[in-house]
């Protein structure tokens, strides 16, 4: 078992034990778990020279094998009061309003975690794909300039568009309607510049 798998097992075990004490899992735990899932997957794909930056460099993982910078964003299903309460989505921030540089990463990986933390799904975006989402104005989250909301179902997606059409940008609609172009698109890591 590699160290990434060990870290995943320990975080999941901690989460399971901690839930009985306090069901609100610290956000840092979710983000770290997503990074370890990505590190483990990259290792399985044959990348052996991985540097876990942990947010110290404007990206999370540096692949020395090919010089790629990977940004990992991790989300549980949520609502955040943005849509009608039955509309759940995975949400990943792409850019903050005060962010000076856009070229911090080559690839953004959106990790979608279920409530067990055991079955991650990976949505892979090249830098250009991630920054193709249009700017948004989200009242409660004024600092978020670009984001990706991936809805849990077609029904939730249609309800989100019906209730908040300006909040679901044109390129987000493309992502939701063509999820297979992004789900497990690991080949983008070999070809992205």
Protein backbone atom coordinates (compact mmCIF):
# COMPACT_ATOMS: atom_id res chain seq x y z
CA UNK A 1 0.00 0.00 0.00
CA UNK A 2 1.44 3.41 -0.97
CA UNK A 3 1.45 6.32 1.47
CA UNK A 4 -1.38 8.02 -0.41
CA UNK A 5 -3.70 5.06 0.17
CA UNK A 6 -2.67 4.99 3.84
CA UNK A 7 -3.49 8.69 4.20
CA UNK A 8 -6.90 8.14 2.53
CA UNK A 9 -7.68 5.21 4.83
CA UNK A 10 -6.70 7.21 7.94
CA UNK A 11 -8.78 10.26 6.95
CA UNK A 12 -11.84 8.11 6.17
CA UNK A 13 -11.40 6.23 9.46
CA UNK A 14 -11.10 9.53 11.36
CA UNK A 15 -14.21 10.86 9.59
CA UNK A 16 -16.22 7.77 10.52
CA UNK A 17 -15.14 8.00 14.17
CA UNK A 18 -15.53 11.78 14.37
CA UNK A 19 -19.06 11.81 12.92
CA UNK A 20 -20.52 10.40 16.14
CA UNK A 21 -18.98 13.32 18.06
CA UNK A 22 -19.66 16.13 15.59
CA UNK A 23 -21.17 15.52 12.14
CA UNK A 24 -19.71 18.76 10.76
CA UNK A 25 -16.46 17.61 9.21
CA UNK A 26 -13.79 20.33 9.01
CA UNK A 27 -13.43 21.69 5.47
CA UNK A 28 -9.68 21.19 5.56
CA UNK A 29 -10.24 17.46 5.90
CA UNK A 30 -12.33 17.35 2.71
CA UNK A 31 -9.71 19.28 0.73
CA UNK A 32 -6.81 17.17 1.97
CA UNK A 33 -8.69 13.96 1.20
CA UNK A 34 -9.34 15.11 -2.36
CA UNK A 35 -5.65 15.85 -2.85
CA UNK A 36 -4.66 12.40 -1.58
CA UNK A 37 -7.21 10.73 -3.87
CA UNK A 38 -5.70 12.59 -6.84
CA UNK A 39 -2.12 11.78 -5.76
CA UNK A 40 -3.06 8.10 -5.46
CA UNK A 41 -4.72 8.09 -8.90
CA UNK A 42 -1.76 9.85 -10.54
CA UNK A 43 0.58 7.30 -8.96
CA UNK A 44 -1.62 4.47 -10.32
CA UNK A 45 -1.41 6.09 -13.77
CA UNK A 46 2.38 5.80 -13.65
CA UNK A 47 3.41 9.26 -12.49
CA UNK A 48 6.09 8.60 -9.90
CA UNK A 49 7.65 12.02 -9.30
CA UNK A 50 4.83 13.83 -7.49
CA UNK A 51 5.33 16.83 -5.22
CA UNK A 52 2.43 17.56 -2.88
CA UNK A 53 2.53 21.34 -2.52
CA UNK A 54 -0.48 21.62 -0.22
CA UNK A 55 -1.47 25.08 -1.40
CA UNK A 56 2.00 26.57 -0.89
CA UNK A 57 2.53 27.38 -4.57
CA UNK A 58 -0.83 28.44 -6.02
CA UNK A 59 -1.42 24.82 -7.04
CA UNK A 60 -1.57 21.56 -5.08
CA UNK A 61 0.49 18.96 -6.97
CA UNK A 62 3.51 19.27 -9.22
CA UNK A 63 4.14 16.33 -11.56
CA UNK A 64 7.90 16.31 -12.11
CA UNK A 65 7.47 13.57 -14.75
CA UNK A 66 5.98 16.10 -17.20
CA UNK A 67 6.14 19.50 -15.46
CA UNK A 68 2.36 19.82 -14.99
CA UNK A 69 0.86 21.88 -12.17
CA UNK A 70 -2.37 20.43 -10.80
CA UNK A 71 -4.99 22.34 -8.81
CA UNK A 72 -7.36 20.10 -6.82
CA UNK A 73 -10.79 21.32 -5.75
CA UNK A 74 -12.93 19.01 -3.64
CA UNK A 75 -16.64 19.20 -2.92
CA UNK A 76 -19.38 17.31 -1.17
CA UNK A 77 -22.94 17.68 -2.49
CA UNK A 78 -24.28 21.01 -1.25
CA UNK A 79 -26.85 23.71 -1.78
CA UNK A 80 -25.39 26.78 -0.01
CA UNK A 81 -28.76 28.55 -0.29
CA UNK A 82 -28.09 29.47 -3.91
CA UNK A 83 -30.89 27.45 -5.49
CA UNK A 84 -34.17 25.94 -4.25
CA UNK A 85 -33.34 23.67 -1.31
CA UNK A 86 -33.80 20.40 -3.22
CA UNK A 87 -31.15 21.41 -5.81
CA UNK A 88 -27.79 19.91 -4.86
CA UNK A 89 -24.50 20.32 -6.68
CA UNK A 90 -20.77 19.83 -6.46
CA UNK A 91 -19.16 23.26 -6.57
CA UNK A 92 -15.59 24.21 -7.38
CA UNK A 93 -14.13 27.72 -7.36
CA UNK A 94 -12.01 28.47 -10.42
CA UNK A 95 -11.00 32.08 -9.77
CA UNK A 96 -11.37 34.70 -7.04
CA UNK A 97 -12.01 38.34 -7.92
CA UNK A 98 -8.76 39.51 -6.35
CA UNK A 99 -6.66 36.78 -7.97
CA UNK A 100 -3.84 38.39 -9.92
CA UNK A 101 -2.58 35.44 -11.98
CA UNK A 102 -4.69 33.04 -14.03
CA UNK A 103 -1.85 30.76 -15.07
CA UNK A 104 -1.20 29.14 -11.71
CA UNK A 105 -2.13 25.64 -12.88
CA UNK A 106 -2.22 23.53 -16.04
CA UNK A 107 -5.01 21.19 -14.94
CA UNK A 108 -7.85 21.60 -12.45
CA UNK A 109 -9.33 18.43 -11.00
CA UNK A 110 -12.76 18.71 -9.40
CA UNK A 111 -13.15 15.87 -6.91
CA UNK A 112 -16.77 15.00 -6.13
CA UNK A 113 -17.10 13.13 -2.84
CA UNK A 114 -20.14 11.25 -1.62
CA UNK A 115 -21.12 11.31 2.05
CA UNK A 116 -19.00 8.20 2.80
CA UNK A 117 -15.83 9.86 1.42
CA UNK A 118 -15.06 6.48 -0.24
CA UNK A 119 -16.19 6.84 -3.87
CA UNK A 120 -14.60 9.93 -5.42
CA UNK A 121 -15.39 11.01 -8.95
CA UNK A 122 -12.80 13.03 -10.82
CA UNK A 123 -13.69 15.78 -13.29
CA UNK A 124 -10.61 16.92 -15.21
CA UNK A 125 -10.41 20.39 -16.77
CA UNK A 126 -7.54 21.85 -18.75
CA UNK A 127 -6.63 25.40 -17.80
CA UNK A 128 -8.52 26.69 -20.85
CA UNK A 129 -11.61 24.61 -20.04
CA UNK A 130 -11.67 25.78 -16.42
CA UNK A 131 -11.32 29.43 -17.42
CA UNK A 132 -13.99 29.11 -20.11
CA UNK A 133 -16.68 29.50 -17.46
CA UNK A 134 -18.05 33.00 -17.55
CA UNK A 135 -17.82 35.43 -14.62
CA UNK A 136 -20.62 35.34 -12.07
CA UNK A 137 -21.95 37.59 -9.37
CA UNK A 138 -22.98 35.52 -6.37
CA UNK A 139 -24.39 37.76 -3.67
CA UNK A 140 -23.24 35.71 -0.67
CA UNK A 141 -19.90 34.80 -2.24
CA UNK A 142 -18.74 38.14 -3.63
CA UNK A 143 -15.11 37.00 -3.89
CA UNK A 144 -15.91 34.18 -6.35
CA UNK A 145 -15.50 35.33 -9.94
CA UNK A 146 -15.52 31.99 -11.78
CA UNK A 147 -16.93 28.69 -10.56
CA UNK A 148 -18.20 25.35 -11.76
CA UNK A 149 -21.43 23.88 -10.39
CA UNK A 150 -22.04 20.28 -11.41
CA UNK A 151 -25.58 19.23 -10.50
CA UNK A 152 -26.45 15.86 -8.97
CA UNK A 153 -29.14 15.10 -11.54
CA UNK A 154 -30.73 16.40 -14.71
CA UNK A 155 -33.77 17.43 -12.66
CA UNK A 156 -31.60 19.50 -10.30
CA UNK A 157 -29.77 21.02 -13.27
CA UNK A 158 -33.03 22.08 -14.98
CA UNK A 159 -34.42 23.49 -11.73
CA UNK A 160 -31.21 25.49 -11.15
CA UNK A 161 -31.49 27.02 -14.63
CA UNK A 162 -35.20 27.72 -14.17
CA UNK A 163 -34.72 29.39 -10.79
CA UNK A 164 -31.38 31.18 -11.34
CA UNK A 165 -30.60 31.31 -15.07
CA UNK A 166 -27.79 33.87 -14.71
CA UNK A 167 -26.04 31.82 -12.03
CA UNK A 168 -25.52 28.79 -14.32
CA UNK A 169 -23.20 30.12 -17.01
CA UNK A 170 -23.14 29.01 -20.63
CA UNK A 171 -19.99 26.91 -20.24
CA UNK A 172 -21.27 25.35 -17.00
CA UNK A 173 -24.30 24.23 -18.98
CA UNK A 174 -21.93 22.64 -21.50
CA UNK A 175 -20.11 20.85 -18.65
CA UNK A 176 -23.36 19.56 -17.15
CA UNK A 177 -24.67 18.40 -20.53
CA UNK A 178 -21.35 16.75 -21.53
CA UNK A 179 -20.08 15.36 -18.24
CA UNK A 180 -18.37 12.44 -19.95
CA UNK A 181 -15.96 14.91 -21.61
CA UNK A 182 -14.62 15.73 -18.15
CA UNK A 183 -15.25 12.66 -15.97
CA UNK A 184 -11.99 10.69 -15.65
CA UNK A 185 -10.36 12.70 -18.45
CA UNK A 186 -6.90 11.70 -17.22
CA UNK A 187 -5.49 11.79 -20.75
CA UNK A 188 -5.64 15.60 -20.51
CA UNK A 189 -2.75 15.49 -18.02
CA UNK A 190 -0.48 14.00 -20.68
CA UNK A 191 -1.52 16.46 -23.37
CA UNK A 192 -2.20 19.77 -21.60
CA UNK A 193 0.28 22.55 -21.96
